[in-house]
Structure formats: C-alpha cells, structure tokens
Amino acid sequence: MYDDQQETDQEDVVIPEEANPMAEEMASASIGEMLREMFPYGDEQYIAITMKEMEGYNTKNFDYAAGGDPNGNFLRVASILSFYPGIRMDDPRAVAILYLLKQLDNVLWSLSRGFEGKLEDIDSRLLDIHVYAKIARVLNNRLKAGDCVEYPVSGGKDKSTMLEEIRRIVREEAEFGFEPDENEPEARG
C-alpha cells in the first residue's frame, strides 16, 4: 500500500521504458523536477506522493490487467455481480464476497494469461480468498445469531458493533498466521 505518511522521494519511482515512450528525453531531467517546473505551487511532497501512486497503479494494473483492459478487474467483477440484481451491497457479507471476487478474478486472470503477479503471487491471492470466505461465514453466522447489527452501514442502530466484529476477526486471523491484505482498506473506527 502507499505510505503517504512517510517522506517519499521522486527519484525512487521507476518507470519502465516500454511504458514510457519519452524515457530518453526525460532521462536528462528528473520527472519530479519537470513536474515542479510545470506545477510550481503547492507542497512538493504532493508530486512525490502522486508519483508513488502512479507507480503503485502501474504495478497493480500489471497484476490485474496484464495486457488486457486496464479496468478489466472492475469490468469482470461487475459482470459477475450483474447476475445478482437483488444483492444489497450494504450487506457486510456481500462486501466480503466482493473482496473475494476481486481476488478470485485476479487468480483466474493470472491462470488464463500464464503468469504470476508482480505485487502478489497466485498463492497469496488464494490465501486472501480463504480469508474473505471465512469472514463472510463469520459475518453470516453472527448476523443469523443476532450477534451483529444487521446492515450497519445503511443505518443500523450501532455501527461500532460491526467494526468491533471486524477488528476481532482480523485479530483472530493474525493469531492463526494470516496477515491482513495490505491492499484492502483497514477497518477503522
């Protein structure tokens, strides 16, 4: 994940030559310097952070698109979700399944293209699928038992109940050696 809190250095950003037809021209000047000349106002960290985000976007796009449509993962998952027009996306179980689908799509795309991701390999994605499936099962069990407020995002009585449940699940997963996916938003309250 991008660490916006730490000082970043524009010079750390690597742009592959095949992705940058102007690489030769830019070699004589730092990209960060060129951008500061073009956009001289504002904090110079803004440019460094933006460049880190572009680098992360490029790397993730290799994993999720690999020569296909750069938005392919979103299009494929949206296509799958279109089969279920009645699904409530404010249902936490649906959110867990959505995260699972994102990982499953990446695994299937990787297998269909015959490659491992640069950021995460297939085994790492399969582990994420396992974790999200287990979270969906826990949420389903908790909702059936009445241990969680149903659909807290859309106006449940106590939104903190679900956040506490998510924190508990993440702690339990960590105890079993599962690390939270650093590419997914963390539950914060």
C-alpha atoms as a PDB file:
ATOM      1  CA  MET A   1       0.000   0.000   0.000  1.00  0.00           C
ATOM      2  CA  TYR A   2       1.095   3.587  -0.426  1.00  0.00           C
ATOM      3  CA  ASP A   3       2.547   5.188   2.651  1.00  0.00           C
ATOM      4  CA  ASP A   4       1.523   8.829   2.455  1.00  0.00           C
ATOM      5  CA  GLN A   5       2.764   9.447   5.969  1.00  0.00           C
ATOM      6  CA  GLN A   6       6.446   8.893   5.236  1.00  0.00           C
ATOM      7  CA  GLU A   7       8.620  11.194   3.226  1.00  0.00           C
ATOM      8  CA  THR A   8       8.794   9.995  -0.346  1.00  0.00           C
ATOM      9  CA  ASP A   9      11.481  10.582  -2.923  1.00  0.00           C
ATOM     10  CA  GLN A  10      10.533  11.191  -6.538  1.00  0.00           C
ATOM     11  CA  GLU A  11      13.784   9.613  -7.666  1.00  0.00           C
ATOM     12  CA  ASP A  12      12.637   6.210  -6.276  1.00  0.00           C
ATOM     13  CA  VAL A  13       9.892   5.965  -8.876  1.00  0.00           C
ATOM     14  CA  VAL A  14      10.822   3.592 -11.694  1.00  0.00           C
ATOM     15  CA  ILE A  15       9.007   3.968 -14.993  1.00  0.00           C
ATOM     16  CA  PRO A  16       9.615   1.032 -17.332  1.00  0.00           C
ATOM     17  CA  GLU A  17      10.932   2.191 -20.716  1.00  0.00           C
ATOM     18  CA  GLU A  18       8.298   0.214 -22.609  1.00  0.00           C
ATOM     19  CA  ALA A  19       5.613   2.141 -20.689  1.00  0.00           C
ATOM     20  CA  ASN A  20       7.271   5.485 -21.338  1.00  0.00           C
ATOM     21  CA  PRO A  21       7.985   6.465 -24.955  1.00  0.00           C
ATOM     22  CA  MET A  22       9.633   9.713 -23.773  1.00  0.00           C
ATOM     23  CA  ALA A  23      12.120   7.909 -21.499  1.00  0.00           C
ATOM     24  CA  GLU A  24      15.195   9.102 -23.397  1.00  0.00           C
ATOM     25  CA  GLU A  25      14.111  12.729 -23.357  1.00  0.00           C
ATOM     26  CA  MET A  26      13.242  12.548 -19.663  1.00  0.00           C
ATOM     27  CA  ALA A  27      16.496  10.839 -18.710  1.00  0.00           C
ATOM     28  CA  SER A  28      18.337  14.155 -18.639  1.00  0.00           C
ATOM     29  CA  ALA A  29      15.913  15.681 -16.122  1.00  0.00           C
ATOM     30  CA  SER A  30      14.192  14.222 -13.121  1.00  0.00           C
ATOM     31  CA  ILE A  31      10.466  13.726 -13.645  1.00  0.00           C
ATOM     32  CA  GLY A  32       9.860  15.290 -10.252  1.00  0.00           C
ATOM     33  CA  GLU A  33      11.830  18.376 -11.261  1.00  0.00           C
ATOM     34  CA  MET A  34       9.927  18.630 -14.534  1.00  0.00           C
ATOM     35  CA  LEU A  35       6.599  18.413 -12.712  1.00  0.00           C
ATOM     36  CA  ARG A  36       7.688  21.016 -10.142  1.00  0.00           C
ATOM     37  CA  GLU A  37       8.531  23.368 -13.036  1.00  0.00           C
ATOM     38  CA  MET A  38       5.158  22.725 -14.658  1.00  0.00           C
ATOM     39  CA  PHE A  39       3.249  22.954 -11.345  1.00  0.00           C
ATOM     40  CA  PRO A  40       5.303  25.237  -9.059  1.00  0.00           C
ATOM     41  CA  TYR A  41       2.623  25.931  -6.444  1.00  0.00           C
ATOM     42  CA  GLY A  42       1.836  23.692  -3.507  1.00  0.00           C
ATOM     43  CA  ASP A  43       3.782  21.359  -1.269  1.00  0.00           C
ATOM     44  CA  GLU A  44       6.479  19.467  -3.165  1.00  0.00           C
ATOM     45  CA  GLN A  45       5.519  16.256  -1.348  1.00  0.00           C
ATOM     46  CA  TYR A  46       2.286  16.315  -3.336  1.00  0.00           C
ATOM     47  CA  ILE A  47       4.181  15.486  -6.525  1.00  0.00           C
ATOM     48  CA  ALA A  48       6.219  12.744  -4.822  1.00  0.00           C
ATOM     49  CA  ILE A  49       3.076  11.158  -3.401  1.00  0.00           C
ATOM     50  CA  THR A  50       1.337  11.365  -6.782  1.00  0.00           C
ATOM     51  CA  MET A  51       4.290   9.662  -8.461  1.00  0.00           C
ATOM     52  CA  LYS A  52       4.271   6.862  -5.873  1.00  0.00           C
ATOM     53  CA  GLU A  53       0.558   6.395  -6.513  1.00  0.00           C
ATOM     54  CA  MET A  54       1.206   6.209 -10.264  1.00  0.00           C
ATOM     55  CA  GLU A  55       3.890   3.593  -9.655  1.00  0.00           C
ATOM     56  CA  GLY A  56       1.507   1.577  -7.472  1.00  0.00           C
ATOM     57  CA  TYR A  57      -1.280   1.906 -10.029  1.00  0.00           C
ATOM     58  CA  ASN A  58       1.044   0.688 -12.773  1.00  0.00           C
ATOM     59  CA  THR A  59       2.227  -2.336 -10.749  1.00  0.00           C
ATOM     60  CA  LYS A  60      -1.298  -3.289  -9.673  1.00  0.00           C
ATOM     61  CA  ASN A  61      -2.505  -2.872 -13.234  1.00  0.00           C
ATOM     62  CA  PHE A  62       0.062  -5.416 -14.367  1.00  0.00           C
ATOM     63  CA  ASP A  63      -1.329  -7.906 -11.841  1.00  0.00           C
ATOM     64  CA  TYR A  64      -5.000  -7.210 -12.572  1.00  0.00           C
ATOM     65  CA  ALA A  65      -4.907  -6.429 -16.303  1.00  0.00           C
ATOM     66  CA  ALA A  66      -1.643  -7.827 -17.750  1.00  0.00           C
ATOM     67  CA  GLY A  67      -2.112  -6.676 -21.284  1.00  0.00           C
ATOM     68  CA  GLY A  68      -5.889  -6.557 -21.137  1.00  0.00           C
ATOM     69  CA  ASP A  69      -8.179  -3.653 -20.383  1.00  0.00           C
ATOM     70  CA  PRO A  70      -6.632  -1.614 -17.531  1.00  0.00           C
ATOM     71  CA  ASN A  71     -10.038  -1.647 -15.851  1.00  0.00           C
ATOM     72  CA  GLY A  72     -10.608  -5.330 -16.598  1.00  0.00           C
ATOM     73  CA  ASN A  73     -10.842  -6.472 -12.982  1.00  0.00           C
ATOM     74  CA  PHE A  74     -13.637  -3.995 -12.274  1.00  0.00           C
ATOM     75  CA  LEU A  75     -15.451  -4.885 -15.501  1.00  0.00           C
ATOM     76  CA  ARG A  76     -15.234  -8.648 -14.901  1.00  0.00           C
ATOM     77  CA  VAL A  77     -16.340  -8.428 -11.247  1.00  0.00           C
ATOM     78  CA  ALA A  78     -19.173  -6.039 -12.205  1.00  0.00           C
ATOM     79  CA  SER A  79     -20.238  -8.535 -14.853  1.00  0.00           C
ATOM     80  CA  ILE A  80     -20.383 -11.303 -12.245  1.00  0.00           C
ATOM     81  CA  LEU A  81     -22.351  -9.078  -9.847  1.00  0.00           C
ATOM     82  CA  SER A  82     -24.858  -8.259 -12.610  1.00  0.00           C
ATOM     83  CA  PHE A  83     -26.178 -11.822 -12.278  1.00  0.00           C
ATOM     84  CA  TYR A  84     -27.462 -10.881  -8.818  1.00  0.00           C
ATOM     85  CA  PRO A  85     -29.535  -7.688  -9.279  1.00  0.00           C
ATOM     86  CA  GLY A  86     -31.163  -8.016  -5.851  1.00  0.00           C
ATOM     87  CA  ILE A  87     -27.913  -8.134  -3.889  1.00  0.00           C
ATOM     88  CA  ARG A  88     -27.594  -5.481  -1.220  1.00  0.00           C
ATOM     89  CA  MET A  89     -24.112  -4.036  -1.273  1.00  0.00           C
ATOM     90  CA  ASP A  90     -24.643  -2.662   2.217  1.00  0.00           C
ATOM     91  CA  ASP A  91     -24.759  -6.252   3.488  1.00  0.00           C
ATOM     92  CA  PRO A  92     -21.328  -6.908   5.059  1.00  0.00           C
ATOM     93  CA  ARG A  93     -21.420 -10.494   3.762  1.00  0.00           C
ATOM     94  CA  ALA A  94     -21.778  -9.161   0.214  1.00  0.00           C
ATOM     95  CA  VAL A  95     -18.802  -6.861   0.794  1.00  0.00           C
ATOM     96  CA  ALA A  96     -16.666  -9.796   1.953  1.00  0.00           C
ATOM     97  CA  ILE A  97     -17.754 -11.767  -1.134  1.00  0.00           C
ATOM     98  CA  LEU A  98     -16.988  -8.744  -3.337  1.00  0.00           C
ATOM     99  CA  TYR A  99     -13.438  -8.629  -1.942  1.00  0.00           C
ATOM    100  CA  LEU A 100     -13.200 -12.388  -2.513  1.00  0.00           C
ATOM    101  CA  LEU A 101     -14.373 -11.964  -6.127  1.00  0.00           C
ATOM    102  CA  LYS A 102     -11.693  -9.347  -6.726  1.00  0.00           C
ATOM    103  CA  GLN A 103      -9.040 -11.859  -5.646  1.00  0.00           C
ATOM    104  CA  LEU A 104     -10.670 -14.775  -7.485  1.00  0.00           C
ATOM    105  CA  ASP A 105     -10.801 -12.748 -10.690  1.00  0.00           C
ATOM    106  CA  ASN A 106      -7.094 -11.976 -10.329  1.00  0.00           C
ATOM    107  CA  VAL A 107      -6.251 -15.673  -9.868  1.00  0.00           C
ATOM    108  CA  LEU A 108      -8.342 -16.704 -12.874  1.00  0.00           C
ATOM    109  CA  TRP A 109      -6.895 -13.880 -14.980  1.00  0.00           C
ATOM    110  CA  SER A 110      -3.360 -14.878 -13.962  1.00  0.00           C
ATOM    111  CA  LEU A 111      -4.022 -18.524 -14.796  1.00  0.00           C
ATOM    112  CA  SER A 112      -5.582 -17.608 -18.139  1.00  0.00           C
ATOM    113  CA  ARG A 113      -2.557 -15.483 -19.026  1.00  0.00           C
ATOM    114  CA  GLY A 114       0.008 -17.899 -17.562  1.00  0.00           C
ATOM    115  CA  PHE A 115       1.751 -15.553 -15.171  1.00  0.00           C
ATOM    116  CA  GLU A 116       2.234 -14.717 -11.506  1.00  0.00           C
ATOM    117  CA  GLY A 117       1.555 -11.191 -10.321  1.00  0.00           C
ATOM    118  CA  LYS A 118       4.363  -8.767  -9.585  1.00  0.00           C
ATOM    119  CA  LEU A 119       2.773  -7.456  -6.399  1.00  0.00           C
ATOM    120  CA  GLU A 120       1.194 -10.677  -5.131  1.00  0.00           C
ATOM    121  CA  ASP A 121       1.515 -14.198  -6.493  1.00  0.00           C
ATOM    122  CA  ILE A 122      -1.329 -16.661  -7.035  1.00  0.00           C
ATOM    123  CA  ASP A 123      -0.810 -18.392  -3.682  1.00  0.00           C
ATOM    124  CA  SER A 124      -1.106 -15.074  -1.857  1.00  0.00           C
ATOM    125  CA  ARG A 125      -4.365 -14.324  -3.701  1.00  0.00           C
ATOM    126  CA  LEU A 126      -5.701 -17.812  -2.864  1.00  0.00           C
ATOM    127  CA  LEU A 127      -4.942 -17.118   0.799  1.00  0.00           C
ATOM    128  CA  ASP A 128      -6.901 -13.869   0.539  1.00  0.00           C
ATOM    129  CA  ILE A 129      -9.838 -15.792  -0.971  1.00  0.00           C
ATOM    130  CA  HIS A 130      -9.731 -18.161   2.009  1.00  0.00           C
ATOM    131  CA  VAL A 131      -9.686 -15.271   4.471  1.00  0.00           C
ATOM    132  CA  TYR A 132     -12.579 -13.406   2.820  1.00  0.00           C
ATOM    133  CA  ALA A 133     -14.654 -16.587   2.596  1.00  0.00           C
ATOM    134  CA  LYS A 134     -14.095 -17.218   6.289  1.00  0.00           C
ATOM    135  CA  ILE A 135     -15.002 -13.625   7.135  1.00  0.00           C
ATOM    136  CA  ALA A 136     -18.220 -13.969   5.087  1.00  0.00           C
ATOM    137  CA  ARG A 137     -19.068 -17.151   7.022  1.00  0.00           C
ATOM    138  CA  VAL A 138     -18.366 -15.489  10.377  1.00  0.00           C
ATOM    139  CA  LEU A 139     -20.490 -12.479   9.423  1.00  0.00           C
ATOM    140  CA  ASN A 140     -23.282 -14.765   8.239  1.00  0.00           C
ATOM    141  CA  ASN A 141     -23.195 -16.749  11.489  1.00  0.00           C
ATOM    142  CA  ARG A 142     -23.118 -13.570  13.582  1.00  0.00           C
ATOM    143  CA  LEU A 143     -25.999 -11.994  11.671  1.00  0.00           C
ATOM    144  CA  LYS A 144     -28.099 -15.184  11.933  1.00  0.00           C
ATOM    145  CA  ALA A 145     -27.410 -15.391  15.660  1.00  0.00           C
ATOM    146  CA  GLY A 146     -28.229 -11.717  16.170  1.00  0.00           C
ATOM    147  CA  ASP A 147     -24.726 -11.020  17.480  1.00  0.00           C
ATOM    148  CA  CYS A 148     -24.226  -8.188  14.996  1.00  0.00           C
ATOM    149  CA  VAL A 149     -26.382  -5.309  13.979  1.00  0.00           C
ATOM    150  CA  GLU A 150     -27.811  -6.128  10.558  1.00  0.00           C
ATOM    151  CA  TYR A 151     -26.606  -3.898   7.716  1.00  0.00           C
ATOM    152  CA  PRO A 152     -24.864  -1.332   9.922  1.00  0.00           C
ATOM    153  CA  VAL A 153     -23.577   0.718   7.002  1.00  0.00           C
ATOM    154  CA  SER A 154     -27.076   1.639   5.865  1.00  0.00           C
ATOM    155  CA  GLY A 155     -28.320   2.984   9.159  1.00  0.00           C
ATOM    156  CA  GLY A 156     -28.071   0.219  11.742  1.00  0.00           C
ATOM    157  CA  LYS A 157     -28.535   1.230  15.363  1.00  0.00           C
ATOM    158  CA  ASP A 158     -24.897   0.674  16.342  1.00  0.00           C
ATOM    159  CA  LYS A 159     -22.302   0.867  13.591  1.00  0.00           C
ATOM    160  CA  SER A 160     -19.497   0.298  16.076  1.00  0.00           C
ATOM    161  CA  THR A 161     -20.742  -3.283  16.664  1.00  0.00           C
ATOM    162  CA  MET A 162     -19.748  -4.382  13.169  1.00  0.00           C
ATOM    163  CA  LEU A 163     -16.419  -2.528  13.312  1.00  0.00           C
ATOM    164  CA  GLU A 164     -15.592  -4.289  16.566  1.00  0.00           C
ATOM    165  CA  GLU A 165     -16.552  -7.611  14.972  1.00  0.00           C
ATOM    166  CA  ILE A 166     -14.267  -6.936  12.000  1.00  0.00           C
ATOM    167  CA  ARG A 167     -11.402  -5.995  14.322  1.00  0.00           C
ATOM    168  CA  ARG A 168     -11.956  -9.225  16.282  1.00  0.00           C
ATOM    169  CA  ILE A 169     -11.899 -11.293  13.068  1.00  0.00           C
ATOM    170  CA  VAL A 170      -8.677  -9.626  11.900  1.00  0.00           C
ATOM    171  CA  ARG A 171      -7.068 -10.248  15.321  1.00  0.00           C
ATOM    172  CA  GLU A 172      -8.114 -13.919  15.227  1.00  0.00           C
ATOM    173  CA  GLU A 173      -6.809 -14.320  11.677  1.00  0.00           C
ATOM    174  CA  ALA A 174      -3.487 -12.779  12.752  1.00  0.00           C
ATOM    175  CA  GLU A 175      -3.275 -15.285  15.627  1.00  0.00           C
ATOM    176  CA  PHE A 176      -3.510 -18.090  13.057  1.00  0.00           C
ATOM    177  CA  GLY A 177      -0.749 -16.535  10.965  1.00  0.00           C
ATOM    178  CA  PHE A 178      -2.930 -14.806   8.376  1.00  0.00           C
ATOM    179  CA  GLU A 179      -1.859 -11.282   7.619  1.00  0.00           C
ATOM    180  CA  PRO A 180      -4.492  -8.756   6.564  1.00  0.00           C
ATOM    181  CA  ASP A 181      -4.266  -7.900   2.856  1.00  0.00           C
ATOM    182  CA  GLU A 182      -2.334  -4.645   2.830  1.00  0.00           C
ATOM    183  CA  ASN A 183      -4.142  -3.696  -0.381  1.00  0.00           C
ATOM    184  CA  GLU A 184      -7.567  -3.633   1.215  1.00  0.00           C
ATOM    185  CA  PRO A 185      -8.921  -0.836   3.388  1.00  0.00           C
ATOM    186  CA  GLU A 186      -8.466  -1.445   7.070  1.00  0.00           C
ATOM    187  CA  ALA A 187     -11.444  -1.357   9.390  1.00  0.00           C
ATOM    188  CA  ARG A 188     -11.153   1.861  11.348  1.00  0.00           C
ATOM    189  CA  GLY A 189     -13.496   3.339  13.848  1.00  0.00           C
END
